[in-house]
N, C-alpha and C. Protein backbone atom coordinates (compact mmCIF):
# COMPACT_ATOMS: atom_id res chain seq x y z
N MET A 1 118.96 78.12 -19.41
CA MET A 1 119.82 79.13 -20.01
C MET A 1 119.95 78.81 -21.51
N GLU A 2 119.88 79.84 -22.31
CA GLU A 2 120.03 79.66 -23.75
C GLU A 2 121.41 79.07 -24.06
N THR A 3 121.46 78.21 -25.06
CA THR A 3 122.72 77.58 -25.46
C THR A 3 123.77 78.61 -25.83
N TRP A 4 123.37 79.68 -26.51
CA TRP A 4 124.33 80.72 -26.93
C TRP A 4 124.98 81.38 -25.71
N ILE A 5 124.18 81.66 -24.71
CA ILE A 5 124.71 82.29 -23.50
C ILE A 5 125.62 81.32 -22.76
N ALA A 6 125.17 80.07 -22.64
CA ALA A 6 125.99 79.05 -21.96
C ALA A 6 127.31 78.84 -22.70
N ALA A 7 127.27 78.82 -24.02
CA ALA A 7 128.49 78.65 -24.80
C ALA A 7 129.41 79.86 -24.63
N ALA A 8 128.83 81.06 -24.62
CA ALA A 8 129.64 82.27 -24.45
C ALA A 8 130.33 82.27 -23.09
N LEU A 9 129.59 81.94 -22.05
CA LEU A 9 130.17 81.89 -20.70
C LEU A 9 131.22 80.78 -20.59
N THR A 10 130.91 79.62 -21.14
CA THR A 10 131.83 78.49 -21.07
C THR A 10 133.09 78.76 -21.88
N GLY A 11 132.93 79.26 -23.08
CA GLY A 11 134.09 79.55 -23.93
C GLY A 11 134.97 80.65 -23.37
N ALA A 12 134.34 81.72 -22.87
CA ALA A 12 135.12 82.81 -22.27
C ALA A 12 135.81 82.33 -21.00
N GLY A 13 135.12 81.53 -20.20
CA GLY A 13 135.72 80.99 -18.98
C GLY A 13 136.90 80.08 -19.28
N ALA A 14 136.76 79.23 -20.28
CA ALA A 14 137.85 78.32 -20.67
C ALA A 14 139.04 79.11 -21.21
N THR A 15 138.76 80.17 -21.95
CA THR A 15 139.83 81.00 -22.49
C THR A 15 140.55 81.72 -21.35
N LEU A 16 139.82 82.14 -20.35
CA LEU A 16 140.45 82.75 -19.17
C LEU A 16 141.35 81.73 -18.47
N VAL A 17 140.90 80.49 -18.34
CA VAL A 17 141.73 79.43 -17.76
C VAL A 17 143.01 79.28 -18.58
N LEU A 18 142.88 79.30 -19.88
CA LEU A 18 144.03 79.20 -20.77
C LEU A 18 145.00 80.36 -20.53
N ASP A 19 144.48 81.56 -20.37
CA ASP A 19 145.33 82.72 -20.12
C ASP A 19 146.02 82.64 -18.76
N LEU A 20 145.31 82.14 -17.76
CA LEU A 20 145.93 81.95 -16.44
C LEU A 20 147.03 80.89 -16.51
N TRP A 21 146.81 79.84 -17.31
CA TRP A 21 147.84 78.82 -17.53
C TRP A 21 149.08 79.45 -18.17
N ALA A 22 148.86 80.28 -19.18
CA ALA A 22 149.99 80.93 -19.86
C ALA A 22 150.76 81.83 -18.90
N LEU A 23 150.04 82.54 -18.05
CA LEU A 23 150.67 83.41 -17.06
C LEU A 23 151.49 82.58 -16.06
N ALA A 24 150.92 81.49 -15.58
CA ALA A 24 151.63 80.61 -14.63
C ALA A 24 152.86 80.00 -15.29
N ARG A 25 152.72 79.58 -16.53
CA ARG A 25 153.84 78.99 -17.27
C ARG A 25 154.99 79.99 -17.42
N THR A 26 154.62 81.25 -17.64
CA THR A 26 155.63 82.29 -17.77
C THR A 26 156.32 82.54 -16.43
N LYS A 27 155.53 82.67 -15.39
CA LYS A 27 156.08 82.96 -14.05
C LYS A 27 156.92 81.80 -13.52
N LEU A 28 156.45 80.56 -13.70
CA LEU A 28 157.12 79.40 -13.12
C LEU A 28 158.27 78.87 -13.97
N PHE A 29 158.11 78.91 -15.29
CA PHE A 29 159.08 78.25 -16.16
C PHE A 29 159.75 79.18 -17.18
N GLY A 30 159.36 80.45 -17.18
CA GLY A 30 159.96 81.39 -18.11
C GLY A 30 159.54 81.20 -19.56
N VAL A 31 158.45 80.45 -19.79
CA VAL A 31 157.97 80.23 -21.15
C VAL A 31 157.18 81.47 -21.58
N PRO A 32 157.53 82.09 -22.69
CA PRO A 32 156.81 83.30 -23.10
C PRO A 32 155.34 83.01 -23.38
N SER A 33 154.49 83.95 -23.02
CA SER A 33 153.06 83.84 -23.31
C SER A 33 152.83 84.09 -24.79
N PRO A 34 151.75 83.54 -25.33
CA PRO A 34 151.42 83.82 -26.74
C PRO A 34 151.22 85.32 -26.94
N ASP A 35 151.62 85.80 -28.10
CA ASP A 35 151.48 87.23 -28.42
C ASP A 35 150.25 87.40 -29.31
N TYR A 36 149.13 87.70 -28.69
CA TYR A 36 147.87 87.83 -29.43
C TYR A 36 147.84 89.07 -30.30
N ARG A 37 148.81 89.95 -30.12
CA ARG A 37 148.98 91.10 -31.00
C ARG A 37 149.23 90.60 -32.43
N LEU A 38 150.00 89.50 -32.55
CA LEU A 38 150.29 88.95 -33.88
C LEU A 38 149.06 88.30 -34.50
N VAL A 39 148.21 87.71 -33.68
CA VAL A 39 146.93 87.18 -34.17
C VAL A 39 146.08 88.35 -34.69
N GLY A 40 146.07 89.44 -33.93
CA GLY A 40 145.36 90.63 -34.36
C GLY A 40 145.92 91.19 -35.66
N ARG A 41 147.23 91.16 -35.79
CA ARG A 41 147.86 91.64 -37.03
C ARG A 41 147.38 90.79 -38.21
N TRP A 42 147.35 89.46 -38.00
CA TRP A 42 146.90 88.59 -39.08
C TRP A 42 145.46 88.91 -39.48
N PHE A 43 144.57 89.03 -38.48
CA PHE A 43 143.18 89.35 -38.79
C PHE A 43 143.05 90.73 -39.42
N ALA A 44 143.84 91.70 -38.96
CA ALA A 44 143.76 93.06 -39.50
C ALA A 44 144.24 93.13 -40.95
N TRP A 45 145.14 92.24 -41.34
CA TRP A 45 145.61 92.22 -42.72
C TRP A 45 144.61 91.54 -43.66
N LEU A 46 143.71 90.70 -43.16
CA LEU A 46 142.78 89.97 -44.03
C LEU A 46 141.96 90.88 -44.94
N PRO A 47 141.33 91.95 -44.42
CA PRO A 47 140.55 92.80 -45.33
C PRO A 47 141.41 93.53 -46.36
N ARG A 48 142.70 93.57 -46.12
CA ARG A 48 143.63 94.19 -47.06
C ARG A 48 144.15 93.18 -48.09
N GLY A 49 143.57 91.95 -48.05
CA GLY A 49 143.89 90.95 -49.04
C GLY A 49 145.11 90.09 -48.75
N ARG A 50 145.63 90.20 -47.56
CA ARG A 50 146.83 89.40 -47.23
C ARG A 50 146.45 88.29 -46.27
N ILE A 51 146.65 87.06 -46.69
CA ILE A 51 146.31 85.89 -45.88
C ILE A 51 147.57 85.27 -45.29
N ARG A 52 148.64 85.22 -46.09
CA ARG A 52 149.86 84.55 -45.66
C ARG A 52 150.98 85.57 -45.45
N HIS A 53 151.72 85.38 -44.39
CA HIS A 53 152.85 86.24 -44.05
C HIS A 53 154.10 85.36 -43.91
N ASP A 54 155.25 85.96 -44.11
CA ASP A 54 156.47 85.14 -44.07
C ASP A 54 157.62 85.87 -43.39
N PRO A 55 157.66 85.89 -42.11
CA PRO A 55 156.66 85.54 -41.10
C PRO A 55 155.84 86.78 -40.72
N ILE A 56 154.87 86.58 -39.87
CA ILE A 56 153.97 87.66 -39.45
C ILE A 56 154.73 88.79 -38.77
N THR A 57 155.82 88.47 -38.09
CA THR A 57 156.60 89.50 -37.39
C THR A 57 157.26 90.47 -38.38
N ALA A 58 157.42 90.07 -39.65
CA ALA A 58 158.01 90.95 -40.65
C ALA A 58 156.97 91.84 -41.31
N SER A 59 155.70 91.55 -41.11
CA SER A 59 154.64 92.38 -41.67
C SER A 59 154.44 93.62 -40.80
N ALA A 60 154.11 94.71 -41.46
CA ALA A 60 153.94 95.98 -40.75
C ALA A 60 152.83 95.89 -39.72
N PRO A 61 153.07 96.43 -38.52
CA PRO A 61 152.00 96.49 -37.52
C PRO A 61 150.85 97.35 -38.02
N LEU A 62 149.66 97.04 -37.56
CA LEU A 62 148.47 97.81 -37.93
C LEU A 62 147.79 98.34 -36.67
N PRO A 63 147.10 99.46 -36.79
CA PRO A 63 146.43 100.04 -35.62
C PRO A 63 145.41 99.07 -35.02
N GLY A 64 145.42 98.98 -33.70
CA GLY A 64 144.43 98.17 -32.99
C GLY A 64 144.70 96.68 -32.98
N GLU A 65 145.87 96.25 -33.46
CA GLU A 65 146.10 94.81 -33.59
C GLU A 65 146.07 94.08 -32.25
N ARG A 66 146.51 94.71 -31.18
CA ARG A 66 146.47 94.04 -29.87
C ARG A 66 145.03 93.78 -29.44
N ALA A 67 144.17 94.80 -29.55
CA ALA A 67 142.76 94.64 -29.18
C ALA A 67 142.07 93.63 -30.10
N ILE A 68 142.40 93.68 -31.38
CA ILE A 68 141.82 92.73 -32.33
C ILE A 68 142.22 91.31 -31.95
N GLY A 69 143.50 91.12 -31.63
CA GLY A 69 144.00 89.79 -31.28
C GLY A 69 143.36 89.22 -30.03
N TRP A 70 143.26 90.05 -28.99
CA TRP A 70 142.65 89.57 -27.75
C TRP A 70 141.16 89.30 -27.93
N THR A 71 140.48 90.13 -28.70
CA THR A 71 139.06 89.90 -28.98
C THR A 71 138.88 88.61 -29.76
N ALA A 72 139.71 88.41 -30.77
CA ALA A 72 139.64 87.18 -31.57
C ALA A 72 139.92 85.96 -30.70
N HIS A 73 140.90 86.06 -29.82
CA HIS A 73 141.26 84.97 -28.91
C HIS A 73 140.03 84.50 -28.11
N TYR A 74 139.29 85.46 -27.53
CA TYR A 74 138.11 85.09 -26.73
C TYR A 74 136.95 84.63 -27.62
N LEU A 75 136.76 85.25 -28.77
CA LEU A 75 135.69 84.81 -29.67
C LEU A 75 135.95 83.41 -30.20
N ILE A 76 137.20 83.09 -30.47
CA ILE A 76 137.53 81.74 -30.93
C ILE A 76 137.23 80.72 -29.83
N GLY A 77 137.54 81.06 -28.58
CA GLY A 77 137.21 80.18 -27.46
C GLY A 77 135.71 79.93 -27.37
N ILE A 78 134.93 80.96 -27.60
CA ILE A 78 133.47 80.83 -27.57
C ILE A 78 132.99 79.95 -28.72
N VAL A 79 133.56 80.14 -29.90
CA VAL A 79 133.17 79.32 -31.06
C VAL A 79 133.47 77.84 -30.78
N PHE A 80 134.64 77.56 -30.20
CA PHE A 80 134.94 76.16 -29.88
C PHE A 80 133.97 75.61 -28.85
N ALA A 81 133.51 76.43 -27.91
CA ALA A 81 132.53 75.96 -26.92
C ALA A 81 131.21 75.60 -27.60
N LEU A 82 130.91 76.22 -28.72
CA LEU A 82 129.69 75.88 -29.46
C LEU A 82 129.75 74.48 -30.06
N ALA A 83 130.94 73.90 -30.13
CA ALA A 83 131.06 72.52 -30.63
C ALA A 83 130.56 71.51 -29.59
N LEU A 84 130.51 71.91 -28.33
CA LEU A 84 130.11 70.97 -27.28
C LEU A 84 128.72 70.39 -27.48
N PRO A 85 127.69 71.21 -27.76
CA PRO A 85 126.38 70.58 -27.98
C PRO A 85 126.34 69.73 -29.25
N ALA A 86 127.19 70.03 -30.24
CA ALA A 86 127.23 69.20 -31.45
C ALA A 86 127.78 67.81 -31.12
N ILE A 87 128.69 67.74 -30.16
CA ILE A 87 129.31 66.47 -29.78
C ILE A 87 128.48 65.74 -28.73
N ALA A 88 128.05 66.48 -27.71
CA ALA A 88 127.44 65.84 -26.54
C ALA A 88 125.95 66.14 -26.38
N GLY A 89 125.39 66.96 -27.25
CA GLY A 89 123.98 67.33 -27.12
C GLY A 89 123.82 68.59 -26.29
N PHE A 90 122.66 69.21 -26.42
CA PHE A 90 122.40 70.47 -25.75
C PHE A 90 122.37 70.34 -24.23
N GLY A 91 122.12 69.13 -23.75
CA GLY A 91 122.09 68.92 -22.30
C GLY A 91 123.45 68.99 -21.64
N TRP A 92 124.53 69.02 -22.44
CA TRP A 92 125.87 69.05 -21.85
C TRP A 92 126.05 70.27 -20.95
N PHE A 93 125.50 71.41 -21.35
CA PHE A 93 125.67 72.62 -20.56
C PHE A 93 124.98 72.53 -19.20
N ALA A 94 124.00 71.65 -19.07
CA ALA A 94 123.33 71.44 -17.77
C ALA A 94 124.05 70.39 -16.94
N HIS A 95 124.65 69.41 -17.60
CA HIS A 95 125.34 68.30 -16.90
C HIS A 95 126.66 68.00 -17.61
N PRO A 96 127.68 68.83 -17.38
CA PRO A 96 128.95 68.65 -18.09
C PRO A 96 129.66 67.33 -17.73
N THR A 97 130.25 66.73 -18.74
CA THR A 97 131.12 65.58 -18.56
C THR A 97 132.47 65.94 -19.18
N ILE A 98 133.52 65.22 -18.81
CA ILE A 98 134.86 65.64 -19.22
C ILE A 98 135.26 65.24 -20.64
N GLY A 99 134.71 64.18 -21.17
CA GLY A 99 135.12 63.70 -22.49
C GLY A 99 134.94 64.71 -23.61
N PRO A 100 133.74 65.26 -23.80
CA PRO A 100 133.54 66.20 -24.91
C PRO A 100 134.45 67.43 -24.86
N PRO A 101 134.62 68.09 -23.71
CA PRO A 101 135.51 69.26 -23.75
C PRO A 101 136.97 68.90 -24.02
N LEU A 102 137.42 67.75 -23.53
CA LEU A 102 138.79 67.34 -23.85
C LEU A 102 138.92 67.06 -25.35
N ALA A 103 137.89 66.44 -25.93
CA ALA A 103 137.91 66.18 -27.37
C ALA A 103 137.94 67.49 -28.15
N VAL A 104 137.14 68.46 -27.73
CA VAL A 104 137.14 69.78 -28.40
C VAL A 104 138.51 70.44 -28.23
N GLY A 105 139.06 70.39 -27.03
CA GLY A 105 140.36 71.01 -26.79
C GLY A 105 141.44 70.43 -27.68
N ILE A 106 141.50 69.12 -27.77
CA ILE A 106 142.52 68.47 -28.59
C ILE A 106 142.24 68.70 -30.08
N ALA A 107 140.98 68.59 -30.48
CA ALA A 107 140.63 68.82 -31.89
C ALA A 107 140.90 70.26 -32.31
N SER A 108 140.83 71.17 -31.36
CA SER A 108 141.07 72.58 -31.70
C SER A 108 142.53 72.83 -32.09
N LEU A 109 143.40 71.85 -31.89
CA LEU A 109 144.79 71.95 -32.37
C LEU A 109 144.84 72.12 -33.89
N ALA A 110 143.83 71.65 -34.58
CA ALA A 110 143.82 71.79 -36.03
C ALA A 110 143.90 73.26 -36.44
N ALA A 111 143.29 74.15 -35.69
CA ALA A 111 143.29 75.57 -36.05
C ALA A 111 144.70 76.15 -36.09
N PRO A 112 145.49 76.04 -35.03
CA PRO A 112 146.84 76.59 -35.14
C PRO A 112 147.74 75.77 -36.08
N PHE A 113 147.64 74.46 -36.02
CA PHE A 113 148.54 73.63 -36.83
C PHE A 113 148.31 73.79 -38.33
N LEU A 114 147.03 73.88 -38.73
CA LEU A 114 146.71 73.86 -40.16
C LEU A 114 146.31 75.21 -40.74
N VAL A 115 145.99 76.18 -39.87
CA VAL A 115 145.56 77.48 -40.38
C VAL A 115 146.50 78.60 -39.90
N MET A 116 146.51 78.85 -38.61
CA MET A 116 147.22 80.02 -38.10
C MET A 116 148.74 79.95 -38.29
N GLN A 117 149.36 78.85 -37.91
CA GLN A 117 150.82 78.76 -38.04
C GLN A 117 151.28 78.84 -39.49
N PRO A 118 150.65 78.10 -40.42
CA PRO A 118 151.05 78.28 -41.83
C PRO A 118 150.80 79.70 -42.34
N ALA A 119 149.66 80.29 -41.97
CA ALA A 119 149.33 81.63 -42.44
C ALA A 119 150.28 82.69 -41.88
N MET A 120 150.84 82.42 -40.72
CA MET A 120 151.75 83.38 -40.10
C MET A 120 153.21 83.12 -40.50
N GLY A 121 153.41 82.14 -41.37
CA GLY A 121 154.75 81.87 -41.86
C GLY A 121 155.55 80.89 -41.03
N TYR A 122 154.89 80.17 -40.13
CA TYR A 122 155.59 79.23 -39.26
C TYR A 122 155.48 77.78 -39.74
N GLY A 123 154.80 77.56 -40.85
CA GLY A 123 154.68 76.22 -41.41
C GLY A 123 153.57 75.40 -40.76
N ILE A 124 153.23 74.30 -41.39
CA ILE A 124 152.22 73.39 -40.84
C ILE A 124 152.78 72.82 -39.54
N ALA A 125 151.98 72.89 -38.50
CA ALA A 125 152.35 72.38 -37.17
C ALA A 125 153.72 72.91 -36.73
N ALA A 126 153.93 74.20 -36.96
CA ALA A 126 155.15 74.89 -36.50
C ALA A 126 156.43 74.31 -37.11
N SER A 127 156.33 73.72 -38.30
CA SER A 127 157.49 73.05 -38.92
C SER A 127 158.62 74.01 -39.28
N ARG A 128 158.34 75.30 -39.40
CA ARG A 128 159.38 76.26 -39.76
C ARG A 128 159.87 77.07 -38.55
N THR A 129 159.59 76.60 -37.36
CA THR A 129 160.09 77.27 -36.15
C THR A 129 161.41 76.63 -35.75
N PRO A 130 162.19 77.31 -34.90
CA PRO A 130 163.49 76.73 -34.49
C PRO A 130 163.38 75.38 -33.79
N LYS A 131 162.33 75.18 -33.01
CA LYS A 131 162.15 73.91 -32.29
C LYS A 131 160.71 73.42 -32.49
N PRO A 132 160.44 72.81 -33.64
CA PRO A 132 159.07 72.40 -33.94
C PRO A 132 158.48 71.44 -32.91
N ALA A 133 159.24 70.47 -32.44
CA ALA A 133 158.70 69.49 -31.47
C ALA A 133 158.29 70.19 -30.18
N ALA A 134 159.10 71.13 -29.71
CA ALA A 134 158.76 71.87 -28.49
C ALA A 134 157.52 72.72 -28.72
N ALA A 135 157.41 73.37 -29.88
CA ALA A 135 156.23 74.19 -30.18
C ALA A 135 154.98 73.33 -30.24
N ARG A 136 155.09 72.14 -30.82
CA ARG A 136 153.93 71.24 -30.92
C ARG A 136 153.49 70.75 -29.54
N LEU A 137 154.46 70.39 -28.72
CA LEU A 137 154.14 69.94 -27.36
C LEU A 137 153.48 71.07 -26.56
N ARG A 138 154.00 72.29 -26.71
CA ARG A 138 153.40 73.44 -26.03
C ARG A 138 151.96 73.64 -26.50
N SER A 139 151.74 73.52 -27.81
CA SER A 139 150.39 73.67 -28.36
C SER A 139 149.47 72.57 -27.83
N LEU A 140 149.93 71.34 -27.83
CA LEU A 140 149.12 70.23 -27.33
C LEU A 140 148.75 70.46 -25.87
N THR A 141 149.71 70.82 -25.05
CA THR A 141 149.44 71.07 -23.63
C THR A 141 148.46 72.22 -23.46
N THR A 142 148.67 73.28 -24.21
CA THR A 142 147.79 74.45 -24.12
C THR A 142 146.36 74.09 -24.49
N HIS A 143 146.19 73.33 -25.55
CA HIS A 143 144.84 72.98 -25.98
C HIS A 143 144.18 71.95 -25.05
N ALA A 144 144.98 71.10 -24.43
CA ALA A 144 144.44 70.20 -23.39
C ALA A 144 143.97 71.02 -22.19
N VAL A 145 144.75 72.03 -21.81
CA VAL A 145 144.34 72.92 -20.72
C VAL A 145 143.05 73.65 -21.10
N PHE A 146 142.93 74.07 -22.36
CA PHE A 146 141.69 74.69 -22.81
C PHE A 146 140.52 73.72 -22.65
N GLY A 147 140.73 72.45 -23.01
CA GLY A 147 139.68 71.43 -22.82
C GLY A 147 139.28 71.29 -21.37
N LEU A 148 140.27 71.26 -20.47
CA LEU A 148 139.96 71.21 -19.03
C LEU A 148 139.23 72.49 -18.60
N GLY A 149 139.64 73.61 -19.19
CA GLY A 149 138.95 74.88 -18.90
C GLY A 149 137.50 74.85 -19.36
N LEU A 150 137.24 74.23 -20.51
CA LEU A 150 135.85 74.08 -20.97
C LEU A 150 135.04 73.28 -19.96
N TYR A 151 135.64 72.22 -19.45
CA TYR A 151 134.96 71.38 -18.46
C TYR A 151 134.66 72.19 -17.19
N GLY A 152 135.67 72.86 -16.65
CA GLY A 152 135.48 73.65 -15.43
C GLY A 152 134.50 74.80 -15.63
N ALA A 153 134.64 75.50 -16.75
CA ALA A 153 133.73 76.61 -17.04
C ALA A 153 132.32 76.09 -17.31
N GLY A 154 132.23 74.88 -17.87
CA GLY A 154 130.91 74.27 -18.07
C GLY A 154 130.22 74.01 -16.74
N TRP A 155 130.97 73.52 -15.76
CA TRP A 155 130.40 73.32 -14.42
C TRP A 155 129.99 74.64 -13.79
N ALA A 156 130.82 75.66 -13.94
CA ALA A 156 130.49 76.98 -13.38
C ALA A 156 129.24 77.54 -14.05
N THR A 157 129.14 77.37 -15.36
CA THR A 157 127.96 77.85 -16.09
C THR A 157 126.71 77.08 -15.66
N ALA A 158 126.84 75.77 -15.50
CA ALA A 158 125.69 74.96 -15.04
C ALA A 158 125.26 75.41 -13.64
N GLY A 159 126.23 75.72 -12.78
CA GLY A 159 125.90 76.21 -11.44
C GLY A 159 125.19 77.55 -11.47
N LEU A 160 125.65 78.45 -12.33
CA LEU A 160 124.97 79.75 -12.48
C LEU A 160 123.57 79.56 -12.99
N ASN A 161 123.39 78.67 -13.95
CA ASN A 161 122.08 78.40 -14.51
C ASN A 161 121.13 77.87 -13.43
N ALA A 162 121.63 76.93 -12.63
CA ALA A 162 120.80 76.38 -11.55
C ALA A 162 120.45 77.46 -10.54
N LEU A 163 121.39 78.31 -10.23
CA LEU A 163 121.16 79.40 -9.27
C LEU A 163 120.09 80.36 -9.79
N PHE A 164 120.20 80.74 -11.06
CA PHE A 164 119.22 81.66 -11.63
C PHE A 164 117.85 81.01 -11.78
N ASN A 165 117.81 79.71 -12.06
CA ASN A 165 116.53 79.01 -12.17
C ASN A 165 115.82 78.94 -10.82
N ARG A 166 116.58 78.78 -9.73
CA ARG A 166 115.97 78.76 -8.38
C ARG A 166 115.46 80.13 -7.98
N ALA A 167 116.18 81.17 -8.43
CA ALA A 167 115.81 82.54 -8.05
C ALA A 167 114.56 83.01 -8.79
N SER A 168 114.28 82.44 -9.95
CA SER A 168 113.13 82.93 -10.72
C SER A 168 111.88 82.15 -10.49
């Protein structure tokens, strides 16, 4: 299977695991799910020359922001999956191991801590939120779950690849 296809399947699968985690967290513990509409709002404002918001919730909504946010969410998951062959080699998609996806999951914390949260007006590592430590712990847990999702989706992708190779 081509690396691009394996990365797309693995990244999308891991992102789905992340979304199922968020849904379970909401149902079991009442923790609100991330609002990807706001991610979409941030991306939709970029071509209009606005990078930083204070906070993003005070910026005017734009058409299609929910779809933009959810699309970006899955594309970002796929991009992070592309880091796996850089860390573990192209053979990782055929024989997944747990270390590289956990490393990618934890390293991916840099994106919200250093880019998205500051750009949305929440400060570096959620420092301008009402409970920064709780927000950071939630982010760490979420990104660790994403890493586990990369591992599980990597195994599923390897299984699909083996199945298609036997069929052809």
